[in-house]
Amino acid sequence: MEIADYIVADDRQLARLVLGGDTAAFEYLFDRYRDAIHRLFLQRTGNTEDADDLLQETFIKVYMNLHRYSPEYTFGQWLYTIARNTFIDYVRKRQDDLPIDEKFSSPASNTPTPEESVINSQQRHQIELCIARLPENYRRLIRMRFFDEYSYEEIAVKLSLPLGTVKTQIHRARERMCRLIVENDNR
C-alpha cells in the first residue's frame, strides 16, 4: 500500500489492515491518536513519565485486542474507552501501593489531637488483637503489606509465591480482618 493510501484511509480501514497483518497501518492509527491520548494522560497525572507509560500500555492493549473492535463504534471511542480503563487501573494500583495510614489520613493536619491519639491507640490495639486471631499466613501477609509496606511483587518474591496468589491471599486476609473488627465492634 502507498503512503498516501494510509493517510486517506479511515480508522476502520486501517484496523482491518492491521488485523490482516499490516503493521504499518497500526503506526498510522497510533500517529492519529498518540498526541491526544498523551495529553489526556498528562493532564490527569501531571507527570510525563507516567503519561508515557500509560500511552504505551494503552496502545499495547489496543493492538492485542484489535480483534475485539466492532466497526459499529468509532475507533476513537473504542480507543478512548481503553485509555480510560487503563487510567482507572493506574489509579487503583497507586491506591494499592499507598501505605494504609496514607489511604485514610486527612491532609489538613498531620498532628493528631489528644482525643485522636487516644482513639488511634485504641484502634491500633484492636487491630493488633484482630491480627493475632488471624491464621499465621494471613498475619504474615498483613504485616508485610501494611506494616512493613512491601509491594505485592516484593511479597511474592520473598515468599516464593505467584503474584496472583499473593494478591488473592491479601484480599482474603483483609476481608477476614474486616469481619473480626466488625465482630469486636458488635460485642
N, C-alpha and C. Protein backbone atom coordinates (compact mmCIF):
# COMPACT_ATOMS: atom_id res chain seq x y z
N MET A 1 0.84 -1.18 0.00
CA MET A 1 0.00 0.00 0.00
C MET A 1 0.89 1.24 0.00
N GLU A 2 0.48 2.26 -0.71
CA GLU A 2 1.22 3.52 -0.79
C GLU A 2 0.96 4.37 0.46
N ILE A 3 1.90 5.23 0.78
CA ILE A 3 1.78 6.11 1.94
C ILE A 3 0.50 6.93 1.86
N ALA A 4 0.20 7.46 0.70
CA ALA A 4 -0.99 8.28 0.52
C ALA A 4 -2.26 7.48 0.85
N ASP A 5 -2.25 6.18 0.54
CA ASP A 5 -3.41 5.34 0.83
C ASP A 5 -3.63 5.21 2.34
N TYR A 6 -2.54 5.10 3.08
CA TYR A 6 -2.66 5.03 4.55
C TYR A 6 -3.21 6.34 5.10
N ILE A 7 -2.72 7.44 4.55
CA ILE A 7 -3.09 8.75 5.07
C ILE A 7 -4.57 9.02 4.87
N VAL A 8 -5.12 8.62 3.73
CA VAL A 8 -6.53 8.90 3.45
C VAL A 8 -7.46 7.81 3.98
N ALA A 9 -6.91 6.67 4.38
CA ALA A 9 -7.75 5.58 4.89
C ALA A 9 -8.39 6.00 6.21
N ASP A 10 -9.65 5.60 6.43
CA ASP A 10 -10.27 5.91 7.72
C ASP A 10 -9.83 4.88 8.75
N ASP A 11 -10.18 5.12 9.99
CA ASP A 11 -9.74 4.26 11.08
C ASP A 11 -10.20 2.81 10.91
N ARG A 12 -11.41 2.64 10.45
CA ARG A 12 -11.94 1.27 10.26
C ARG A 12 -11.12 0.51 9.22
N GLN A 13 -10.78 1.20 8.15
CA GLN A 13 -9.96 0.55 7.11
C GLN A 13 -8.59 0.18 7.67
N LEU A 14 -7.99 1.10 8.40
CA LEU A 14 -6.67 0.81 8.98
C LEU A 14 -6.76 -0.36 9.96
N ALA A 15 -7.83 -0.41 10.75
CA ALA A 15 -7.99 -1.51 11.70
C ALA A 15 -8.08 -2.84 10.94
N ARG A 16 -8.83 -2.86 9.85
CA ARG A 16 -8.93 -4.09 9.03
C ARG A 16 -7.56 -4.49 8.49
N LEU A 17 -6.79 -3.51 8.06
CA LEU A 17 -5.45 -3.80 7.53
C LEU A 17 -4.54 -4.37 8.62
N VAL A 18 -4.63 -3.80 9.82
CA VAL A 18 -3.81 -4.31 10.94
C VAL A 18 -4.18 -5.75 11.22
N LEU A 19 -5.47 -6.03 11.27
CA LEU A 19 -5.92 -7.40 11.53
C LEU A 19 -5.44 -8.35 10.43
N GLY A 20 -5.23 -7.82 9.23
CA GLY A 20 -4.72 -8.61 8.12
C GLY A 20 -3.19 -8.75 8.15
N GLY A 21 -2.55 -8.16 9.16
CA GLY A 21 -1.10 -8.31 9.30
C GLY A 21 -0.28 -7.12 8.87
N ASP A 22 -0.92 -6.02 8.52
CA ASP A 22 -0.21 -4.82 8.05
C ASP A 22 0.18 -3.95 9.25
N THR A 23 1.43 -4.07 9.69
CA THR A 23 1.88 -3.31 10.87
C THR A 23 2.02 -1.82 10.58
N ALA A 24 2.26 -1.45 9.34
CA ALA A 24 2.36 -0.03 9.00
C ALA A 24 1.02 0.67 9.25
N ALA A 25 -0.07 -0.03 9.03
CA ALA A 25 -1.39 0.55 9.27
C ALA A 25 -1.55 0.90 10.76
N PHE A 26 -1.00 0.07 11.64
CA PHE A 26 -1.09 0.36 13.07
C PHE A 26 -0.29 1.61 13.41
N GLU A 27 0.84 1.81 12.77
CA GLU A 27 1.62 3.03 13.01
C GLU A 27 0.80 4.27 12.67
N TYR A 28 0.02 4.19 11.59
CA TYR A 28 -0.80 5.35 11.21
C TYR A 28 -1.92 5.57 12.22
N LEU A 29 -2.52 4.49 12.72
CA LEU A 29 -3.53 4.64 13.77
C LEU A 29 -2.91 5.26 15.02
N PHE A 30 -1.73 4.77 15.38
CA PHE A 30 -1.02 5.28 16.55
C PHE A 30 -0.74 6.78 16.37
N ASP A 31 -0.23 7.14 15.20
CA ASP A 31 0.10 8.55 14.95
C ASP A 31 -1.13 9.46 15.02
N ARG A 32 -2.28 8.94 14.62
CA ARG A 32 -3.51 9.75 14.65
C ARG A 32 -3.94 10.09 16.06
N TYR A 33 -3.74 9.19 16.99
CA TYR A 33 -4.29 9.35 18.33
C TYR A 33 -3.25 9.59 19.42
N ARG A 34 -1.99 9.37 19.11
CA ARG A 34 -0.92 9.46 20.12
C ARG A 34 -0.95 10.76 20.91
N ASP A 35 -0.93 11.89 20.22
CA ASP A 35 -0.82 13.17 20.92
C ASP A 35 -2.03 13.46 21.80
N ALA A 36 -3.22 13.16 21.31
CA ALA A 36 -4.44 13.43 22.10
C ALA A 36 -4.48 12.56 23.35
N ILE A 37 -4.14 11.28 23.20
CA ILE A 37 -4.16 10.37 24.35
C ILE A 37 -3.06 10.77 25.34
N HIS A 38 -1.90 11.12 24.82
CA HIS A 38 -0.80 11.54 25.70
C HIS A 38 -1.18 12.78 26.49
N ARG A 39 -1.79 13.76 25.82
CA ARG A 39 -2.23 14.98 26.53
C ARG A 39 -3.24 14.65 27.62
N LEU A 40 -4.16 13.75 27.31
CA LEU A 40 -5.16 13.33 28.29
C LEU A 40 -4.48 12.76 29.54
N PHE A 41 -3.52 11.86 29.33
CA PHE A 41 -2.82 11.25 30.46
C PHE A 41 -1.96 12.28 31.19
N LEU A 42 -1.35 13.18 30.46
CA LEU A 42 -0.51 14.19 31.08
C LEU A 42 -1.35 15.13 31.96
N GLN A 43 -2.54 15.49 31.48
CA GLN A 43 -3.43 16.34 32.28
C GLN A 43 -3.84 15.62 33.57
N ARG A 44 -4.09 14.35 33.48
CA ARG A 44 -4.59 13.61 34.64
C ARG A 44 -3.49 13.24 35.63
N THR A 45 -2.28 12.95 35.13
CA THR A 45 -1.21 12.52 36.03
C THR A 45 -0.29 13.66 36.42
N GLY A 46 -0.13 14.64 35.53
CA GLY A 46 0.81 15.73 35.78
C GLY A 46 2.25 15.28 35.69
N ASN A 47 2.48 14.11 35.13
CA ASN A 47 3.81 13.52 35.10
C ASN A 47 4.07 12.93 33.71
N THR A 48 5.10 13.42 33.04
CA THR A 48 5.39 12.97 31.68
C THR A 48 5.73 11.49 31.62
N GLU A 49 6.51 11.00 32.58
CA GLU A 49 6.88 9.58 32.56
C GLU A 49 5.66 8.68 32.72
N ASP A 50 4.78 9.03 33.65
CA ASP A 50 3.56 8.24 33.82
C ASP A 50 2.69 8.32 32.58
N ALA A 51 2.58 9.51 32.00
CA ALA A 51 1.78 9.67 30.78
C ALA A 51 2.35 8.82 29.65
N ASP A 52 3.69 8.80 29.53
CA ASP A 52 4.33 7.98 28.50
C ASP A 52 4.04 6.49 28.73
N ASP A 53 4.16 6.05 29.98
CA ASP A 53 3.88 4.65 30.31
C ASP A 53 2.44 4.28 30.02
N LEU A 54 1.52 5.16 30.41
CA LEU A 54 0.10 4.89 30.17
C LEU A 54 -0.22 4.87 28.68
N LEU A 55 0.41 5.76 27.93
CA LEU A 55 0.21 5.77 26.48
C LEU A 55 0.67 4.45 25.87
N GLN A 56 1.85 4.02 26.26
CA GLN A 56 2.38 2.76 25.75
C GLN A 56 1.48 1.58 26.14
N GLU A 57 1.06 1.55 27.39
CA GLU A 57 0.20 0.46 27.86
C GLU A 57 -1.13 0.45 27.09
N THR A 58 -1.68 1.64 26.85
CA THR A 58 -2.94 1.75 26.12
C THR A 58 -2.81 1.17 24.73
N PHE A 59 -1.76 1.55 24.02
CA PHE A 59 -1.63 1.08 22.63
C PHE A 59 -1.24 -0.39 22.55
N ILE A 60 -0.60 -0.90 23.56
CA ILE A 60 -0.35 -2.35 23.60
C ILE A 60 -1.69 -3.06 23.73
N LYS A 61 -2.55 -2.55 24.61
CA LYS A 61 -3.88 -3.15 24.78
C LYS A 61 -4.69 -3.03 23.49
N VAL A 62 -4.59 -1.89 22.83
CA VAL A 62 -5.31 -1.71 21.57
C VAL A 62 -4.85 -2.75 20.56
N TYR A 63 -3.55 -2.90 20.42
CA TYR A 63 -3.00 -3.85 19.45
C TYR A 63 -3.41 -5.29 19.78
N MET A 64 -3.31 -5.63 21.07
CA MET A 64 -3.62 -7.00 21.49
C MET A 64 -5.11 -7.32 21.39
N ASN A 65 -5.95 -6.30 21.46
CA ASN A 65 -7.39 -6.52 21.47
C ASN A 65 -8.10 -6.00 20.22
N LEU A 66 -7.34 -5.69 19.20
CA LEU A 66 -7.95 -5.12 17.99
C LEU A 66 -8.99 -6.06 17.39
N HIS A 67 -8.82 -7.35 17.57
CA HIS A 67 -9.80 -8.30 17.05
C HIS A 67 -11.17 -8.12 17.72
N ARG A 68 -11.21 -7.43 18.86
CA ARG A 68 -12.47 -7.20 19.56
C ARG A 68 -13.16 -5.90 19.12
N TYR A 69 -12.46 -5.09 18.36
CA TYR A 69 -13.03 -3.82 17.90
C TYR A 69 -14.22 -4.08 16.98
N SER A 70 -15.33 -3.41 17.25
CA SER A 70 -16.52 -3.53 16.43
C SER A 70 -16.69 -2.25 15.61
N PRO A 71 -16.72 -2.38 14.28
CA PRO A 71 -16.85 -1.19 13.42
C PRO A 71 -18.15 -0.41 13.60
N GLU A 72 -19.11 -0.93 14.37
CA GLU A 72 -20.33 -0.15 14.62
C GLU A 72 -20.06 1.03 15.54
N TYR A 73 -18.91 1.04 16.22
CA TYR A 73 -18.47 2.19 17.02
C TYR A 73 -17.30 2.85 16.31
N THR A 74 -17.10 4.12 16.60
CA THR A 74 -15.92 4.75 16.00
C THR A 74 -14.68 4.20 16.69
N PHE A 75 -13.61 4.14 15.96
CA PHE A 75 -12.36 3.64 16.53
C PHE A 75 -11.92 4.52 17.69
N GLY A 76 -12.11 5.82 17.54
CA GLY A 76 -11.72 6.76 18.59
C GLY A 76 -12.44 6.49 19.90
N GLN A 77 -13.75 6.21 19.83
CA GLN A 77 -14.50 5.90 21.06
C GLN A 77 -13.94 4.65 21.72
N TRP A 78 -13.68 3.65 20.92
CA TRP A 78 -13.15 2.39 21.44
C TRP A 78 -11.79 2.61 22.09
N LEU A 79 -10.93 3.35 21.40
CA LEU A 79 -9.59 3.65 21.91
C LEU A 79 -9.65 4.45 23.21
N TYR A 80 -10.52 5.47 23.26
CA TYR A 80 -10.63 6.28 24.47
C TYR A 80 -11.18 5.46 25.64
N THR A 81 -12.02 4.49 25.36
CA THR A 81 -12.51 3.61 26.42
C THR A 81 -11.35 2.80 27.00
N ILE A 82 -10.50 2.29 26.13
CA ILE A 82 -9.32 1.55 26.60
C ILE A 82 -8.40 2.47 27.40
N ALA A 83 -8.21 3.69 26.91
CA ALA A 83 -7.35 4.66 27.62
C ALA A 83 -7.93 4.97 28.99
N ARG A 84 -9.26 5.19 29.05
CA ARG A 84 -9.90 5.49 30.33
C ARG A 84 -9.73 4.33 31.31
N ASN A 85 -9.95 3.11 30.84
CA ASN A 85 -9.81 1.94 31.70
C ASN A 85 -8.37 1.74 32.15
N THR A 86 -7.42 2.04 31.27
CA THR A 86 -6.00 1.96 31.63
C THR A 86 -5.69 2.96 32.74
N PHE A 87 -6.26 4.16 32.63
CA PHE A 87 -6.04 5.17 33.66
C PHE A 87 -6.68 4.75 34.99
N ILE A 88 -7.86 4.17 34.94
CA ILE A 88 -8.53 3.70 36.16
C ILE A 88 -7.68 2.63 36.84
N ASP A 89 -7.13 1.71 36.05
CA ASP A 89 -6.25 0.68 36.61
C ASP A 89 -5.02 1.31 37.27
N TYR A 90 -4.47 2.33 36.63
CA TYR A 90 -3.31 3.04 37.15
C TYR A 90 -3.63 3.67 38.51
N VAL A 91 -4.80 4.33 38.60
CA VAL A 91 -5.20 4.98 39.86
C VAL A 91 -5.39 3.93 40.95
N ARG A 92 -6.04 2.82 40.61
CA ARG A 92 -6.25 1.75 41.59
C ARG A 92 -4.92 1.19 42.08
N LYS A 93 -3.99 0.99 41.16
CA LYS A 93 -2.69 0.44 41.54
C LYS A 93 -1.96 1.41 42.47
N ARG A 94 -2.05 2.70 42.17
CA ARG A 94 -1.41 3.69 43.04
C ARG A 94 -2.03 3.67 44.43
N GLN A 95 -3.35 3.49 44.51
CA GLN A 95 -4.03 3.40 45.80
C GLN A 95 -3.56 2.16 46.55
N ASP A 96 -3.44 1.03 45.83
CA ASP A 96 -2.99 -0.21 46.47
C ASP A 96 -1.57 -0.09 47.00
N ASP A 97 -0.75 0.74 46.35
CA ASP A 97 0.64 0.88 46.76
C ASP A 97 0.84 1.88 47.90
N LEU A 98 -0.21 2.63 48.26
CA LEU A 98 -0.08 3.58 49.36
C LEU A 98 -0.05 2.84 50.70
N PRO A 99 0.76 3.30 51.62
CA PRO A 99 0.70 2.72 52.97
C PRO A 99 -0.70 2.94 53.54
N ILE A 100 -1.14 2.04 54.38
CA ILE A 100 -2.53 2.06 54.87
C ILE A 100 -2.88 3.36 55.57
N ASP A 101 -1.94 3.96 56.33
CA ASP A 101 -2.29 5.19 57.03
C ASP A 101 -2.44 6.36 56.08
N GLU A 102 -1.77 6.36 54.92
CA GLU A 102 -1.94 7.43 53.95
C GLU A 102 -3.28 7.35 53.24
N LYS A 103 -3.82 6.15 53.12
CA LYS A 103 -5.11 5.98 52.45
C LYS A 103 -6.22 6.67 53.23
N PHE A 104 -6.12 6.67 54.55
CA PHE A 104 -7.21 7.17 55.37
C PHE A 104 -6.87 8.44 56.14
N SER A 105 -5.67 8.99 55.92
CA SER A 105 -5.30 10.17 56.68
C SER A 105 -5.85 11.43 56.05
N SER A 106 -6.09 12.42 56.86
CA SER A 106 -6.58 13.71 56.39
C SER A 106 -5.40 14.60 56.06
N PRO A 107 -5.38 15.20 54.88
CA PRO A 107 -4.25 16.06 54.52
C PRO A 107 -4.24 17.38 55.28
N ALA A 108 -5.35 17.72 55.97
CA ALA A 108 -5.45 19.01 56.63
C ALA A 108 -4.44 19.17 57.76
N SER A 109 -4.25 18.14 58.55
CA SER A 109 -3.35 18.26 59.69
C SER A 109 -2.66 16.93 59.93
N ASN A 110 -1.36 17.00 60.14
CA ASN A 110 -0.60 15.77 60.41
C ASN A 110 -0.50 15.47 61.90
N THR A 111 -0.78 16.46 62.73
CA THR A 111 -0.66 16.28 64.16
C THR A 111 -2.02 15.94 64.76
N PRO A 112 -2.13 14.73 65.34
CA PRO A 112 -3.42 14.37 65.92
C PRO A 112 -3.68 15.13 67.22
N THR A 113 -4.95 15.38 67.48
CA THR A 113 -5.33 15.99 68.75
C THR A 113 -5.16 14.92 69.83
N PRO A 114 -5.19 15.30 71.11
CA PRO A 114 -5.08 14.29 72.17
C PRO A 114 -6.18 13.23 72.06
N GLU A 115 -7.40 13.66 71.73
CA GLU A 115 -8.50 12.70 71.59
C GLU A 115 -8.21 11.72 70.45
N GLU A 116 -7.72 12.26 69.33
CA GLU A 116 -7.39 11.40 68.19
C GLU A 116 -6.27 10.42 68.55
N SER A 117 -5.32 10.87 69.36
CA SER A 117 -4.23 9.99 69.78
C SER A 117 -4.75 8.81 70.60
N VAL A 118 -5.69 9.08 71.50
CA VAL A 118 -6.28 8.01 72.31
C VAL A 118 -7.05 7.06 71.41
N ILE A 119 -7.86 7.62 70.51
CA ILE A 119 -8.64 6.78 69.59
C ILE A 119 -7.72 5.95 68.72
N ASN A 120 -6.66 6.57 68.20
CA ASN A 120 -5.70 5.84 67.36
C ASN A 120 -5.06 4.70 68.14
N SER A 121 -4.72 4.97 69.38
CA SER A 121 -4.11 3.94 70.21
C SER A 121 -5.08 2.78 70.44
N GLN A 122 -6.33 3.11 70.70
CA GLN A 122 -7.34 2.07 70.89
C GLN A 122 -7.56 1.28 69.60
N GLN A 123 -7.61 1.99 68.49
CA GLN A 123 -7.82 1.31 67.21
C GLN A 123 -6.63 0.41 66.89
N ARG A 124 -5.43 0.90 67.13
CA ARG A 124 -4.24 0.09 66.87
C ARG A 124 -4.26 -1.17 67.74
N HIS A 125 -4.66 -0.99 68.99
CA HIS A 125 -4.76 -2.15 69.89
C HIS A 125 -5.79 -3.15 69.37
N GLN A 126 -6.93 -2.64 68.92
CA GLN A 126 -7.97 -3.50 68.37
C GLN A 126 -7.47 -4.23 67.12
N ILE A 127 -6.77 -3.52 66.27
CA ILE A 127 -6.22 -4.13 65.06
C ILE A 127 -5.21 -5.21 65.43
N GLU A 128 -4.35 -4.92 66.40
CA GLU A 128 -3.37 -5.92 66.84
C GLU A 128 -4.05 -7.18 67.36
N LEU A 129 -5.14 -7.00 68.13
CA LEU A 129 -5.89 -8.16 68.63
C LEU A 129 -6.49 -8.96 67.48
N CYS A 130 -7.02 -8.26 66.49
CA CYS A 130 -7.61 -8.95 65.34
C CYS A 130 -6.54 -9.67 64.53
N ILE A 131 -5.40 -9.04 64.35
CA ILE A 131 -4.31 -9.68 63.62
C ILE A 131 -3.87 -10.96 64.35
N ALA A 132 -3.83 -10.89 65.65
CA ALA A 132 -3.42 -12.07 66.44
C ALA A 132 -4.40 -13.23 66.24
N ARG A 133 -5.64 -12.94 65.90
CA ARG A 133 -6.64 -14.00 65.70
C ARG A 133 -6.61 -14.56 64.28
N LEU A 134 -5.83 -13.98 63.40
CA LEU A 134 -5.74 -14.47 62.02
C LEU A 134 -4.85 -15.70 61.94
N PRO A 135 -5.06 -16.54 60.94
CA PRO A 135 -4.11 -17.64 60.71
C PRO A 135 -2.72 -17.07 60.42
N GLU A 136 -1.70 -17.82 60.71
CA GLU A 136 -0.31 -17.34 60.59
C GLU A 136 -0.01 -16.77 59.20
N ASN A 137 -0.43 -17.47 58.13
CA ASN A 137 -0.10 -16.98 56.80
C ASN A 137 -0.75 -15.62 56.53
N TYR A 138 -1.97 -15.40 57.03
CA TYR A 138 -2.62 -14.10 56.85
C TYR A 138 -1.93 -13.02 57.70
N ARG A 139 -1.53 -13.40 58.93
CA ARG A 139 -0.81 -12.44 59.78
C ARG A 139 0.45 -11.94 59.09
N ARG A 140 1.20 -12.91 58.54
CA ARG A 140 2.46 -12.56 57.86
C ARG A 140 2.20 -11.61 56.69
N LEU A 141 1.19 -11.93 55.89
CA LEU A 141 0.88 -11.09 54.73
C LEU A 141 0.43 -9.69 55.14
N ILE A 142 -0.44 -9.60 56.14
CA ILE A 142 -0.91 -8.29 56.61
C ILE A 142 0.27 -7.46 57.12
N ARG A 143 1.15 -8.07 57.90
CA ARG A 143 2.30 -7.33 58.43
C ARG A 143 3.23 -6.87 57.31
N MET A 144 3.50 -7.77 56.37
CA MET A 144 4.40 -7.41 55.27
C MET A 144 3.82 -6.28 54.42
N ARG A 145 2.54 -6.38 54.12
CA ARG A 145 1.92 -5.42 53.21
C ARG A 145 1.67 -4.07 53.87
N PHE A 146 1.08 -4.08 55.06
CA PHE A 146 0.60 -2.84 55.65
C PHE A 146 1.49 -2.26 56.74
N PHE A 147 2.31 -3.07 57.37
CA PHE A 147 3.20 -2.53 58.40
C PHE A 147 4.62 -2.35 57.86
N ASP A 148 5.11 -3.37 57.13
CA ASP A 148 6.44 -3.27 56.54
C ASP A 148 6.41 -2.59 55.18
N GLU A 149 5.21 -2.40 54.62
CA GLU A 149 4.97 -1.68 53.37
C GLU A 149 5.67 -2.29 52.17
N TYR A 150 5.70 -3.61 52.10
CA TYR A 150 6.21 -4.29 50.92
C TYR A 150 5.18 -4.20 49.81
N SER A 151 5.66 -4.12 48.58
CA SER A 151 4.75 -4.18 47.43
C SER A 151 4.30 -5.63 47.24
N TYR A 152 3.25 -5.81 46.47
CA TYR A 152 2.79 -7.17 46.17
C TYR A 152 3.92 -7.98 45.54
N GLU A 153 4.66 -7.34 44.64
CA GLU A 153 5.74 -8.03 43.95
C GLU A 153 6.84 -8.46 44.91
N GLU A 154 7.19 -7.58 45.84
CA GLU A 154 8.22 -7.92 46.82
C GLU A 154 7.77 -9.08 47.71
N ILE A 155 6.50 -9.08 48.10
CA ILE A 155 5.98 -10.18 48.92
C ILE A 155 6.05 -11.48 48.14
N ALA A 156 5.66 -11.43 46.87
CA ALA A 156 5.68 -12.64 46.04
C ALA A 156 7.09 -13.21 45.97
N VAL A 157 8.08 -12.36 45.80
CA VAL A 157 9.47 -12.81 45.72
C VAL A 157 9.92 -13.38 47.07
N LYS A 158 9.65 -12.64 48.15
CA LYS A 158 10.10 -13.08 49.48
C LYS A 158 9.49 -14.41 49.90
N LEU A 159 8.21 -14.62 49.52
CA LEU A 159 7.53 -15.84 49.94
C LEU A 159 7.52 -16.93 48.85
N SER A 160 8.16 -16.63 47.73
CA SER A 160 8.22 -17.57 46.59
C SER A 160 6.82 -18.03 46.18
N LEU A 161 5.92 -17.05 46.04
CA LEU A 161 4.54 -17.32 45.63
C LEU A 161 4.24 -16.56 44.35
N PRO A 162 3.32 -17.07 43.53
CA PRO A 162 2.89 -16.30 42.36
C PRO A 162 2.22 -15.00 42.80
N LEU A 163 2.38 -13.95 41.99
CA LEU A 163 1.83 -12.63 42.31
C LEU A 163 0.32 -12.71 42.51
N GLY A 164 -0.38 -13.44 41.65
CA GLY A 164 -1.83 -13.57 41.79
C GLY A 164 -2.24 -14.19 43.10
N THR A 165 -1.48 -15.18 43.56
CA THR A 165 -1.76 -15.83 44.84
C THR A 165 -1.60 -14.84 45.99
N VAL A 166 -0.54 -14.03 45.91
CA VAL A 166 -0.30 -13.03 46.96
C VAL A 166 -1.46 -12.04 47.01
N LYS A 167 -1.88 -11.53 45.85
CA LYS A 167 -2.98 -10.56 45.83
C LYS A 167 -4.26 -11.19 46.38
N THR A 168 -4.55 -12.41 45.97
CA THR A 168 -5.76 -13.09 46.44
C THR A 168 -5.71 -13.30 47.95
N GLN A 169 -4.58 -13.77 48.46
CA GLN A 169 -4.48 -14.04 49.89
C GLN A 169 -4.54 -12.75 50.72
N ILE A 170 -3.94 -11.68 50.22
CA ILE A 170 -4.02 -10.40 50.93
C ILE A 170 -5.47 -9.91 50.94
N HIS A 171 -6.15 -10.07 49.82
CA HIS A 171 -7.56 -9.69 49.76
C HIS A 171 -8.37 -10.48 50.79
N ARG A 172 -8.15 -11.79 50.85
CA ARG A 172 -8.87 -12.63 51.81
C ARG A 172 -8.50 -12.26 53.25
N ALA A 173 -7.22 -11.96 53.47
CA ALA A 173 -6.79 -11.58 54.82
C ALA A 173 -7.47 -10.28 55.23
N ARG A 174 -7.58 -9.32 54.31
CA ARG A 174 -8.26 -8.06 54.60
C ARG A 174 -9.73 -8.29 54.92
N GLU A 175 -10.36 -9.15 54.13
CA GLU A 175 -11.78 -9.47 54.40
C GLU A 175 -11.93 -10.08 55.78
N ARG A 176 -11.06 -11.01 56.12
CA ARG A 176 -11.12 -11.66 57.44
C ARG A 176 -10.90 -10.62 58.53
N MET A 177 -9.95 -9.72 58.32
CA MET A 177 -9.70 -8.65 59.30
C MET A 177 -10.95 -7.80 59.49
N CYS A 178 -11.60 -7.45 58.41
CA CYS A 178 -12.80 -6.61 58.50
C CYS A 178 -13.89 -7.32 59.29
N ARG A 179 -14.05 -8.62 59.04
CA ARG A 179 -15.06 -9.39 59.78
C ARG A 179 -14.72 -9.40 61.28
N LEU A 180 -13.45 -9.60 61.59
CA LEU A 180 -13.04 -9.61 63.00
C LEU A 180 -13.26 -8.26 63.67
N ILE A 181 -12.98 -7.19 62.96
CA ILE A 181 -13.19 -5.84 63.51
C ILE A 181 -14.66 -5.60 63.77
N VAL A 182 -15.51 -6.01 62.80
CA VAL A 182 -16.96 -5.85 62.97
C VAL A 182 -17.45 -6.68 64.16
N GLU A 183 -16.96 -7.90 64.29
CA GLU A 183 -17.33 -8.75 65.42
C GLU A 183 -16.96 -8.07 66.74
N ASN A 184 -15.75 -7.50 66.80
CA ASN A 184 -15.32 -6.82 68.02
C ASN A 184 -16.20 -5.61 68.32
N ASP A 185 -16.61 -4.88 67.28
CA ASP A 185 -17.46 -3.70 67.47
C ASP A 185 -18.85 -4.09 67.95
N ASN A 186 -19.31 -5.28 67.59
CA ASN A 186 -20.65 -5.72 67.97
C ASN A 186 -20.71 -6.35 69.36
N ARG A 187 -19.57 -6.50 70.00
CA ARG A 187 -19.56 -7.10 71.33
C ARG A 187 -19.98 -6.12 72.38
